[in-house]
């Protein structure tokens, strides 16, 4: 399963943030620090948190989990990178209006 409950929770928080940006015009424009924080968040922080939660879940429920059955966790990085790119396009497009 590529998404678990924690992934959906993080996506829900991102959607709430994006709705706030769109509805209440929170961000007028993003500067360099905003982009840097955004890239660090989606390139490093969120994928590591998601993988950590998934590995803790696998260790708790499947004590003999090794190698091949957890390889899919590395697909979390490109998945969150794609979600981050889509979200960045959304933020840039709607924060300029």
PDB file of N, CA and C in Angstrom:
ATOM      1  N   UNK A   1       0.846  -1.173   0.000  1.00  0.00           N
ATOM      2  CA  UNK A   1       0.000   0.000   0.000  1.00  0.00           C
ATOM      3  C   UNK A   1       0.897   1.242   0.000  1.00  0.00           C
ATOM      4  N   UNK A   2       0.706   2.091  -0.965  1.00  0.00           N
ATOM      5  CA  UNK A   2       1.583   3.241  -1.112  1.00  0.00           C
ATOM      6  C   UNK A   2       1.249   4.359  -0.127  1.00  0.00           C
ATOM      7  N   UNK A   3       0.004   4.466   0.293  1.00  0.00           N
ATOM      8  CA  UNK A   3      -0.391   5.476   1.275  1.00  0.00           C
ATOM      9  C   UNK A   3      -0.970   4.798   2.502  1.00  0.00           C
ATOM     10  N   UNK A   4      -0.589   5.283   3.673  1.00  0.00           N
ATOM     11  CA  UNK A   4      -1.195   4.798   4.903  1.00  0.00           C
ATOM     12  C   UNK A   4      -1.947   5.951   5.564  1.00  0.00           C
ATOM     13  N   UNK A   5      -2.407   5.737   6.770  1.00  0.00           N
ATOM     14  CA  UNK A   5      -3.221   6.738   7.442  1.00  0.00           C
ATOM     15  C   UNK A   5      -2.449   8.027   7.707  1.00  0.00           C
ATOM     16  N   UNK A   6      -1.183   7.907   8.048  1.00  0.00           N
ATOM     17  CA  UNK A   6      -0.371   9.098   8.297  1.00  0.00           C
ATOM     18  C   UNK A   6      -0.203   9.931   7.027  1.00  0.00           C
ATOM     19  N   UNK A   7      -0.054   9.264   5.868  1.00  0.00           N
ATOM     20  CA  UNK A   7       0.045   9.975   4.594  1.00  0.00           C
ATOM     21  C   UNK A   7      -1.222  10.779   4.321  1.00  0.00           C
ATOM     22  N   UNK A   8      -2.358  10.152   4.553  1.00  0.00           N
ATOM     23  CA  UNK A   8      -3.619  10.855   4.329  1.00  0.00           C
ATOM     24  C   UNK A   8      -3.790  12.021   5.288  1.00  0.00           C
ATOM     25  N   UNK A   9      -3.309  11.883   6.518  1.00  0.00           N
ATOM     26  CA  UNK A   9      -3.374  12.980   7.482  1.00  0.00           C
ATOM     27  C   UNK A   9      -2.514  14.156   7.010  1.00  0.00           C
ATOM     28  N   UNK A  10      -1.299  13.874   6.530  1.00  0.00           N
ATOM     29  CA  UNK A  10      -0.418  14.934   6.027  1.00  0.00           C
ATOM     30  C   UNK A  10      -1.027  15.588   4.789  1.00  0.00           C
ATOM     31  N   UNK A  11      -1.598  14.795   3.894  1.00  0.00           N
ATOM     32  CA  UNK A  11      -2.257  15.360   2.712  1.00  0.00           C
ATOM     33  C   UNK A  11      -3.439  16.235   3.103  1.00  0.00           C
ATOM     34  N   UNK A  12      -4.180  15.823   4.118  1.00  0.00           N
ATOM     35  CA  UNK A  12      -5.304  16.627   4.597  1.00  0.00           C
ATOM     36  C   UNK A  12      -4.818  17.971   5.140  1.00  0.00           C
ATOM     37  N   UNK A  13      -3.719  17.963   5.899  1.00  0.00           N
ATOM     38  CA  UNK A  13      -3.168  19.224   6.406  1.00  0.00           C
ATOM     39  C   UNK A  13      -2.698  20.131   5.274  1.00  0.00           C
ATOM     40  N   UNK A  14      -2.101  19.537   4.245  1.00  0.00           N
ATOM     41  CA  UNK A  14      -1.654  20.319   3.093  1.00  0.00           C
ATOM     42  C   UNK A  14      -2.847  20.910   2.361  1.00  0.00           C
ATOM     43  N   UNK A  15      -3.920  20.140   2.210  1.00  0.00           N
ATOM     44  CA  UNK A  15      -5.120  20.661   1.552  1.00  0.00           C
ATOM     45  C   UNK A  15      -5.760  21.786   2.351  1.00  0.00           C
ATOM     46  N   UNK A  16      -5.777  21.670   3.682  1.00  0.00           N
ATOM     47  CA  UNK A  16      -6.317  22.750   4.519  1.00  0.00           C
ATOM     48  C   UNK A  16      -5.467  24.011   4.354  1.00  0.00           C
ATOM     49  N   UNK A  17      -4.144  23.856   4.338  1.00  0.00           N
ATOM     50  CA  UNK A  17      -3.264  25.007   4.140  1.00  0.00           C
ATOM     51  C   UNK A  17      -3.505  25.647   2.782  1.00  0.00           C
ATOM     52  N   UNK A  18      -3.614  24.825   1.735  1.00  0.00           N
ATOM     53  CA  UNK A  18      -3.849  25.354   0.394  1.00  0.00           C
ATOM     54  C   UNK A  18      -5.206  26.051   0.299  1.00  0.00           C
ATOM     55  N   UNK A  19      -6.214  25.522   0.953  1.00  0.00           N
ATOM     56  CA  UNK A  19      -7.519  26.177   0.961  1.00  0.00           C
ATOM     57  C   UNK A  19      -7.431  27.531   1.656  1.00  0.00           C
ATOM     58  N   UNK A  20      -6.670  27.584   2.757  1.00  0.00           N
ATOM     59  CA  UNK A  20      -6.485  28.857   3.449  1.00  0.00           C
ATOM     60  C   UNK A  20      -5.756  29.871   2.587  1.00  0.00           C
ATOM     61  N   UNK A  21      -4.762  29.424   1.843  1.00  0.00           N
ATOM     62  CA  UNK A  21      -4.037  30.315   0.936  1.00  0.00           C
ATOM     63  C   UNK A  21      -4.977  30.823  -0.141  1.00  0.00           C
ATOM     64  N   UNK A  22      -5.781  29.948  -0.701  1.00  0.00           N
ATOM     65  CA  UNK A  22      -6.681  30.330  -1.785  1.00  0.00           C
ATOM     66  C   UNK A  22      -7.822  31.202  -1.285  1.00  0.00           C
ATOM     67  N   UNK A  23      -8.440  30.835  -0.182  1.00  0.00           N
ATOM     68  CA  UNK A  23      -9.640  31.533   0.294  1.00  0.00           C
ATOM     69  C   UNK A  23      -9.308  32.874   0.945  1.00  0.00           C
ATOM     70  N   UNK A  24      -8.295  32.893   1.808  1.00  0.00           N
ATOM     71  CA  UNK A  24      -8.014  34.085   2.605  1.00  0.00           C
ATOM     72  C   UNK A  24      -6.794  34.866   2.124  1.00  0.00           C
ATOM     73  N   UNK A  25      -6.217  34.454   0.996  1.00  0.00           N
ATOM     74  CA  UNK A  25      -5.072  35.164   0.409  1.00  0.00           C
ATOM     75  C   UNK A  25      -3.956  35.363   1.436  1.00  0.00           C
ATOM     76  N   UNK A  26      -3.572  34.267   2.110  1.00  0.00           N
ATOM     77  CA  UNK A  26      -2.561  34.321   3.154  1.00  0.00           C
ATOM     78  C   UNK A  26      -1.192  34.688   2.571  1.00  0.00           C
ATOM     79  N   UNK A  27      -0.821  34.026   1.508  1.00  0.00           N
ATOM     80  CA  UNK A  27       0.479  34.304   0.890  1.00  0.00           C
ATOM     81  C   UNK A  27       0.281  35.211  -0.317  1.00  0.00           C
ATOM     82  N   UNK A  28       0.879  36.371  -0.275  1.00  0.00           N
ATOM     83  CA  UNK A  28       0.796  37.254  -1.435  1.00  0.00           C
ATOM     84  C   UNK A  28       1.838  36.855  -2.470  1.00  0.00           C
ATOM     85  N   UNK A  29       3.031  36.517  -2.006  1.00  0.00           N
ATOM     86  CA  UNK A  29       4.054  35.982  -2.895  1.00  0.00           C
ATOM     87  C   UNK A  29       5.084  35.271  -2.027  1.00  0.00           C
ATOM     88  N   UNK A  30       5.715  34.295  -2.610  1.00  0.00           N
ATOM     89  CA  UNK A  30       6.718  33.527  -1.867  1.00  0.00           C
ATOM     90  C   UNK A  30       8.099  34.083  -2.185  1.00  0.00           C
ATOM     91  N   UNK A  31       8.923  34.229  -1.157  1.00  0.00           N
ATOM     92  CA  UNK A  31      10.288  34.683  -1.358  1.00  0.00           C
ATOM     93  C   UNK A  31      11.239  33.485  -1.313  1.00  0.00           C
ATOM     94  N   UNK A  32      12.538  33.754  -1.317  1.00  0.00           N
ATOM     95  CA  UNK A  32      13.539  32.687  -1.349  1.00  0.00           C
ATOM     96  C   UNK A  32      13.425  31.755  -0.146  1.00  0.00           C
ATOM     97  N   UNK A  33      13.227  32.309   1.044  1.00  0.00           N
ATOM     98  CA  UNK A  33      13.120  31.473   2.239  1.00  0.00           C
ATOM     99  C   UNK A  33      11.864  30.600   2.204  1.00  0.00           C
ATOM    100  N   UNK A  34      10.808  31.109   1.629  1.00  0.00           N
ATOM    101  CA  UNK A  34       9.594  30.310   1.482  1.00  0.00           C
ATOM    102  C   UNK A  34       9.814  29.113   0.582  1.00  0.00           C
ATOM    103  N   UNK A  35      10.475  29.336  -0.548  1.00  0.00           N
ATOM    104  CA  UNK A  35      10.787  28.226  -1.453  1.00  0.00           C
ATOM    105  C   UNK A  35      11.757  27.240  -0.817  1.00  0.00           C
ATOM    106  N   UNK A  36      12.763  27.748  -0.105  1.00  0.00           N
ATOM    107  CA  UNK A  36      13.723  26.876   0.562  1.00  0.00           C
ATOM    108  C   UNK A  36      13.038  26.003   1.607  1.00  0.00           C
ATOM    109  N   UNK A  37      12.184  26.596   2.418  1.00  0.00           N
ATOM    110  CA  UNK A  37      11.438  25.830   3.409  1.00  0.00           C
ATOM    111  C   UNK A  37      10.534  24.803   2.738  1.00  0.00           C
ATOM    112  N   UNK A  38       9.906  25.214   1.669  1.00  0.00           N
ATOM    113  CA  UNK A  38       8.999  24.331   0.946  1.00  0.00           C
ATOM    114  C   UNK A  38       9.734  23.128   0.366  1.00  0.00           C
ATOM    115  N   UNK A  39      10.886  23.386  -0.265  1.00  0.00           N
ATOM    116  CA  UNK A  39      11.658  22.280  -0.835  1.00  0.00           C
ATOM    117  C   UNK A  39      12.203  21.363   0.246  1.00  0.00           C
ATOM    118  N   UNK A  40      12.689  21.910   1.346  1.00  0.00           N
ATOM    119  CA  UNK A  40      13.157  21.064   2.441  1.00  0.00           C
ATOM    120  C   UNK A  40      12.018  20.229   3.017  1.00  0.00           C
ATOM    121  N   UNK A  41      10.852  20.825   3.102  1.00  0.00           N
ATOM    122  CA  UNK A  41       9.703  20.109   3.646  1.00  0.00           C
ATOM    123  C   UNK A  41       9.320  18.930   2.768  1.00  0.00           C
ATOM    124  N   UNK A  42       9.195  19.153   1.471  1.00  0.00           N
ATOM    125  CA  UNK A  42       8.730  18.085   0.586  1.00  0.00           C
ATOM    126  C   UNK A  42       9.843  17.171   0.082  1.00  0.00           C
ATOM    127  N   UNK A  43      11.087  17.634   0.069  1.00  0.00           N
ATOM    128  CA  UNK A  43      12.172  16.780  -0.408  1.00  0.00           C
ATOM    129  C   UNK A  43      12.765  15.908   0.682  1.00  0.00           C
ATOM    130  N   UNK A  44      12.747  16.386   1.924  1.00  0.00           N
ATOM    131  CA  UNK A  44      13.437  15.657   2.977  1.00  0.00           C
ATOM    132  C   UNK A  44      12.534  15.331   4.166  1.00  0.00           C
ATOM    133  N   UNK A  45      11.912  16.327   4.756  1.00  0.00           N
ATOM    134  CA  UNK A  45      11.254  16.154   6.049  1.00  0.00           C
ATOM    135  C   UNK A  45      10.039  15.233   5.963  1.00  0.00           C
ATOM    136  N   UNK A  46       9.091  15.529   5.100  1.00  0.00           N
ATOM    137  CA  UNK A  46       7.881  14.704   5.018  1.00  0.00           C
ATOM    138  C   UNK A  46       8.190  13.268   4.603  1.00  0.00           C
ATOM    139  N   UNK A  47       9.020  13.016   3.568  1.00  0.00           N
ATOM    140  CA  UNK A  47       9.299  11.603   3.238  1.00  0.00           C
ATOM    141  C   UNK A  47       9.954  10.832   4.381  1.00  0.00           C
ATOM    142  N   UNK A  48      10.894  11.456   5.097  1.00  0.00           N
ATOM    143  CA  UNK A  48      11.512  10.754   6.221  1.00  0.00           C
ATOM    144  C   UNK A  48      10.504  10.474   7.333  1.00  0.00           C
ATOM    145  N   UNK A  49       9.647  11.425   7.637  1.00  0.00           N
ATOM    146  CA  UNK A  49       8.621  11.188   8.658  1.00  0.00           C
ATOM    147  C   UNK A  49       7.683  10.053   8.250  1.00  0.00           C
ATOM    148  N   UNK A  50       7.271  10.056   7.001  1.00  0.00           N
ATOM    149  CA  UNK A  50       6.351   9.035   6.518  1.00  0.00           C
ATOM    150  C   UNK A  50       7.006   7.655   6.535  1.00  0.00           C
ATOM    151  N   UNK A  51       8.256   7.589   6.116  1.00  0.00           N
ATOM    152  CA  UNK A  51       8.970   6.307   6.137  1.00  0.00           C
ATOM    153  C   UNK A  51       9.174   5.839   7.574  1.00  0.00           C
ATOM    154  N   UNK A  52       9.492   6.752   8.479  1.00  0.00           N
ATOM    155  CA  UNK A  52       9.675   6.386   9.876  1.00  0.00           C
ATOM    156  C   UNK A  52       8.394   5.817  10.471  1.00  0.00           C
ATOM    157  N   UNK A  53       7.266   6.444  10.197  1.00  0.00           N
ATOM    158  CA  UNK A  53       5.985   5.949  10.700  1.00  0.00           C
ATOM    159  C   UNK A  53       5.670   4.587  10.085  1.00  0.00           C
ATOM    160  N   UNK A  54       5.914   4.416   8.802  1.00  0.00           N
ATOM    161  CA  UNK A  54       5.636   3.143   8.134  1.00  0.00           C
ATOM    162  C   UNK A  54       6.522   2.023   8.666  1.00  0.00           C
ATOM    163  N   UNK A  55       7.795   2.305   8.892  1.00  0.00           N
ATOM    164  CA  UNK A  55       8.694   1.284   9.422  1.00  0.00           C
ATOM    165  C   UNK A  55       8.352   0.921  10.868  1.00  0.00           C
ATOM    166  N   UNK A  56       7.945   1.891  11.656  1.00  0.00           N
ATOM    167  CA  UNK A  56       7.508   1.593  13.023  1.00  0.00           C
ATOM    168  C   UNK A  56       6.252   0.724  13.008  1.00  0.00           C
ATOM    169  N   UNK A  57       5.341   1.018  12.097  1.00  0.00           N
ATOM    170  CA  UNK A  57       4.135   0.204  11.963  1.00  0.00           C
ATOM    171  C   UNK A  57       4.476  -1.223  11.542  1.00  0.00           C
ATOM    172  N   UNK A  58       5.368  -1.357  10.573  1.00  0.00           N
ATOM    173  CA  UNK A  58       5.757  -2.688  10.100  1.00  0.00           C
ATOM    174  C   UNK A  58       6.480  -3.469  11.196  1.00  0.00           C
ATOM    175  N   UNK A  59       7.316  -2.793  11.962  1.00  0.00           N
ATOM    176  CA  UNK A  59       8.040  -3.468  13.045  1.00  0.00           C
ATOM    177  C   UNK A  59       7.092  -3.910  14.154  1.00  0.00           C
ATOM    178  N   UNK A  60       6.072  -3.113  14.404  1.00  0.00           N
ATOM    179  CA  UNK A  60       5.117  -3.440  15.472  1.00  0.00           C
ATOM    180  C   UNK A  60       4.231  -4.618  15.070  1.00  0.00           C
ATOM    181  N   UNK A  61       3.745  -4.630  13.841  1.00  0.00           N
ATOM    182  CA  UNK A  61       2.782  -5.650  13.418  1.00  0.00           C
ATOM    183  C   UNK A  61       3.425  -6.868  12.768  1.00  0.00           C
ATOM    184  N   UNK A  62       4.608  -6.719  12.204  1.00  0.00           N
ATOM    185  CA  UNK A  62       5.296  -7.823  11.541  1.00  0.00           C
ATOM    186  C   UNK A  62       6.735  -7.881  12.055  1.00  0.00           C
ATOM    187  N   UNK A  63       6.982  -8.596  13.141  1.00  0.00           N
ATOM    188  CA  UNK A  63       8.332  -8.561  13.731  1.00  0.00           C
ATOM    189  C   UNK A  63       9.416  -9.141  12.824  1.00  0.00           C
ATOM    190  N   UNK A  64       9.073  -9.992  11.886  1.00  0.00           N
ATOM    191  CA  UNK A  64      10.069 -10.581  10.998  1.00  0.00           C
ATOM    192  C   UNK A  64      10.058  -9.911   9.617  1.00  0.00           C
ATOM    193  N   UNK A  65       9.814  -8.623   9.571  1.00  0.00           N
ATOM    194  CA  UNK A  65       9.824  -7.928   8.288  1.00  0.00           C
ATOM    195  C   UNK A  65      11.255  -7.580   7.921  1.00  0.00           C
ATOM    196  N   UNK A  66      11.656  -8.033   6.755  1.00  0.00           N
ATOM    197  CA  UNK A  66      13.010  -7.756   6.298  1.00  0.00           C
ATOM    198  C   UNK A  66      13.008  -7.496   4.806  1.00  0.00           C
ATOM    199  N   UNK A  67      14.032  -6.859   4.369  1.00  0.00           N
ATOM    200  CA  UNK A  67      14.336  -6.601   2.979  1.00  0.00           C
ATOM    201  C   UNK A  67      13.215  -6.356   1.994  1.00  0.00           C
ATOM    202  N   UNK A  68      12.876  -7.351   1.179  1.00  0.00           N
ATOM    203  CA  UNK A  68      12.018  -7.126   0.011  1.00  0.00           C
ATOM    204  C   UNK A  68      10.608  -6.628   0.313  1.00  0.00           C
ATOM    205  N   UNK A  69      10.075  -6.958   1.493  1.00  0.00           N
ATOM    206  CA  UNK A  69       8.708  -6.515   1.743  1.00  0.00           C
ATOM    207  C   UNK A  69       8.615  -5.058   2.196  1.00  0.00           C
ATOM    208  N   UNK A  70       9.736  -4.389   2.382  1.00  0.00           N
ATOM    209  CA  UNK A  70       9.718  -2.970   2.736  1.00  0.00           C
ATOM    210  C   UNK A  70      10.403  -2.097   1.686  1.00  0.00           C
ATOM    211  N   UNK A  71      10.696  -2.651   0.536  1.00  0.00           N
ATOM    212  CA  UNK A  71      11.353  -1.888  -0.520  1.00  0.00           C
ATOM    213  C   UNK A  71      10.455  -0.746  -1.009  1.00  0.00           C
ATOM    214  N   UNK A  72       9.145  -0.964  -0.953  1.00  0.00           N
ATOM    215  CA  UNK A  72       8.222   0.061  -1.447  1.00  0.00           C
ATOM    216  C   UNK A  72       8.322   1.360  -0.668  1.00  0.00           C
ATOM    217  N   UNK A  73       8.899   1.341   0.533  1.00  0.00           N
ATOM    218  CA  UNK A  73       9.005   2.583   1.295  1.00  0.00           C
ATOM    219  C   UNK A  73       9.891   3.610   0.591  1.00  0.00           C
ATOM    220  N   UNK A  74      10.813   3.147  -0.263  1.00  0.00           N
ATOM    221  CA  UNK A  74      11.642   4.103  -1.004  1.00  0.00           C
ATOM    222  C   UNK A  74      10.851   4.809  -2.094  1.00  0.00           C
ATOM    223  N   UNK A  75       9.693   4.279  -2.450  1.00  0.00           N
ATOM    224  CA  UNK A  75       8.831   4.976  -3.408  1.00  0.00           C
ATOM    225  C   UNK A  75       8.147   6.183  -2.778  1.00  0.00           C
ATOM    226  N   UNK A  76       8.258   6.303  -1.469  1.00  0.00           N
ATOM    227  CA  UNK A  76       7.664   7.464  -0.799  1.00  0.00           C
ATOM    228  C   UNK A  76       8.355   8.753  -1.207  1.00  0.00           C
ATOM    229  N   UNK A  77       9.654   8.708  -1.433  1.00  0.00           N
ATOM    230  CA  UNK A  77      10.366   9.926  -1.817  1.00  0.00           C
ATOM    231  C   UNK A  77       9.847  10.490  -3.136  1.00  0.00           C
ATOM    232  N   UNK A  78       9.834   9.733  -4.237  1.00  0.00           N
ATOM    233  CA  UNK A  78       9.315  10.319  -5.480  1.00  0.00           C
ATOM    234  C   UNK A  78       7.837  10.670  -5.401  1.00  0.00           C
ATOM    235  N   UNK A  79       7.083   9.917  -4.616  1.00  0.00           N
ATOM    236  CA  UNK A  79       5.659  10.237  -4.462  1.00  0.00           C
ATOM    237  C   UNK A  79       5.482  11.605  -3.824  1.00  0.00           C
ATOM    238  N   UNK A  80       6.209  11.868  -2.747  1.00  0.00           N
ATOM    239  CA  UNK A  80       6.086  13.172  -2.081  1.00  0.00           C
ATOM    240  C   UNK A  80       6.729  14.280  -2.893  1.00  0.00           C
ATOM    241  N   UNK A  81       7.729  13.958  -3.718  1.00  0.00           N
ATOM    242  CA  UNK A  81       8.292  14.974  -4.607  1.00  0.00           C
ATOM    243  C   UNK A  81       7.266  15.405  -5.637  1.00  0.00           C
ATOM    244  N   UNK A  82       6.537  14.458  -6.192  1.00  0.00           N
ATOM    245  CA  UNK A  82       5.500  14.788  -7.178  1.00  0.00           C
ATOM    246  C   UNK A  82       4.385  15.586  -6.522  1.00  0.00           C
ATOM    247  N   UNK A  83       3.970  15.185  -5.326  1.00  0.00           N
ATOM    248  CA  UNK A  83       2.934  15.934  -4.604  1.00  0.00           C
ATOM    249  C   UNK A  83       3.430  17.344  -4.303  1.00  0.00           C
ATOM    250  N   UNK A  84       4.695  17.488  -3.932  1.00  0.00           N
ATOM    251  CA  UNK A  84       5.262  18.806  -3.657  1.00  0.00           C
ATOM    252  C   UNK A  84       5.304  19.700  -4.880  1.00  0.00           C
ATOM    253  N   UNK A  85       5.648  19.135  -6.033  1.00  0.00           N
ATOM    254  CA  UNK A  85       5.669  19.919  -7.274  1.00  0.00           C
ATOM    255  C   UNK A  85       4.271  20.386  -7.634  1.00  0.00           C
ATOM    256  N   UNK A  86       3.299  19.493  -7.519  1.00  0.00           N
ATOM    257  CA  UNK A  86       1.914  19.868  -7.817  1.00  0.00           C
ATOM    258  C   UNK A  86       1.436  20.950  -6.860  1.00  0.00           C
ATOM    259  N   UNK A  87       1.771  20.807  -5.584  1.00  0.00           N
ATOM    260  CA  UNK A  87       1.349  21.793  -4.597  1.00  0.00           C
ATOM    261  C   UNK A  87       2.049  23.127  -4.811  1.00  0.00           C
ATOM    262  N   UNK A  88       3.316  23.100  -5.191  1.00  0.00           N
ATOM    263  CA  UNK A  88       4.040  24.346  -5.456  1.00  0.00           C
ATOM    264  C   UNK A  88       3.446  25.080  -6.644  1.00  0.00           C
ATOM    265  N   UNK A  89       3.090  24.339  -7.685  1.00  0.00           N
ATOM    266  CA  UNK A  89       2.429  24.959  -8.841  1.00  0.00           C
ATOM    267  C   UNK A  89       1.109  25.590  -8.405  1.00  0.00           C
ATOM    268  N   UNK A  90       0.375  24.885  -7.572  1.00  0.00           N
ATOM    269  CA  UNK A  90      -0.886  25.426  -7.056  1.00  0.00           C
ATOM    270  C   UNK A  90      -0.655  26.709  -6.265  1.00  0.00           C
ATOM    271  N   UNK A  91       0.322  26.688  -5.346  1.00  0.00           N
ATOM    272  CA  UNK A  91       0.574  27.865  -4.522  1.00  0.00           C
ATOM    273  C   UNK A  91       1.044  29.053  -5.353  1.00  0.00           C
ATOM    274  N   UNK A  92       1.933  28.825  -6.294  1.00  0.00           N
ATOM    275  CA  UNK A  92       2.434  29.925  -7.124  1.00  0.00           C
ATOM    276  C   UNK A  92       1.318  30.497  -7.985  1.00  0.00           C
ATOM    277  N   UNK A  93       0.490  29.625  -8.535  1.00  0.00           N
ATOM    278  CA  UNK A  93      -0.587  30.093  -9.398  1.00  0.00           C
ATOM    279  C   UNK A  93      -1.628  30.892  -8.621  1.00  0.00           C
ATOM    280  N   UNK A  94      -2.022  30.415  -7.450  1.00  0.00           N
ATOM    281  CA  UNK A  94      -3.089  31.076  -6.733  1.00  0.00           C
ATOM    282  C   UNK A  94      -2.612  32.161  -5.784  1.00  0.00           C
ATOM    283  N   UNK A  95      -1.322  32.210  -5.448  1.00  0.00           N
ATOM    284  CA  UNK A  95      -0.864  33.287  -4.586  1.00  0.00           C
ATOM    285  C   UNK A  95      -0.609  34.581  -5.351  1.00  0.00           C
ATOM    286  N   UNK A  96      -0.488  34.494  -6.684  1.00  0.00           N
ATOM    287  CA  UNK A  96      -0.265  35.695  -7.485  1.00  0.00           C
ATOM    288  C   UNK A  96      -1.558  36.426  -7.804  1.00  0.00           C
ATOM    289  N   UNK A  97      -2.676  35.758  -7.658  1.00  0.00           N
ATOM    290  CA  UNK A  97      -3.955  36.408  -7.980  1.00  0.00           C
ATOM    291  C   UNK A  97      -4.405  37.301  -6.861  1.00  0.00           C
TER     292      UNK A  97
END
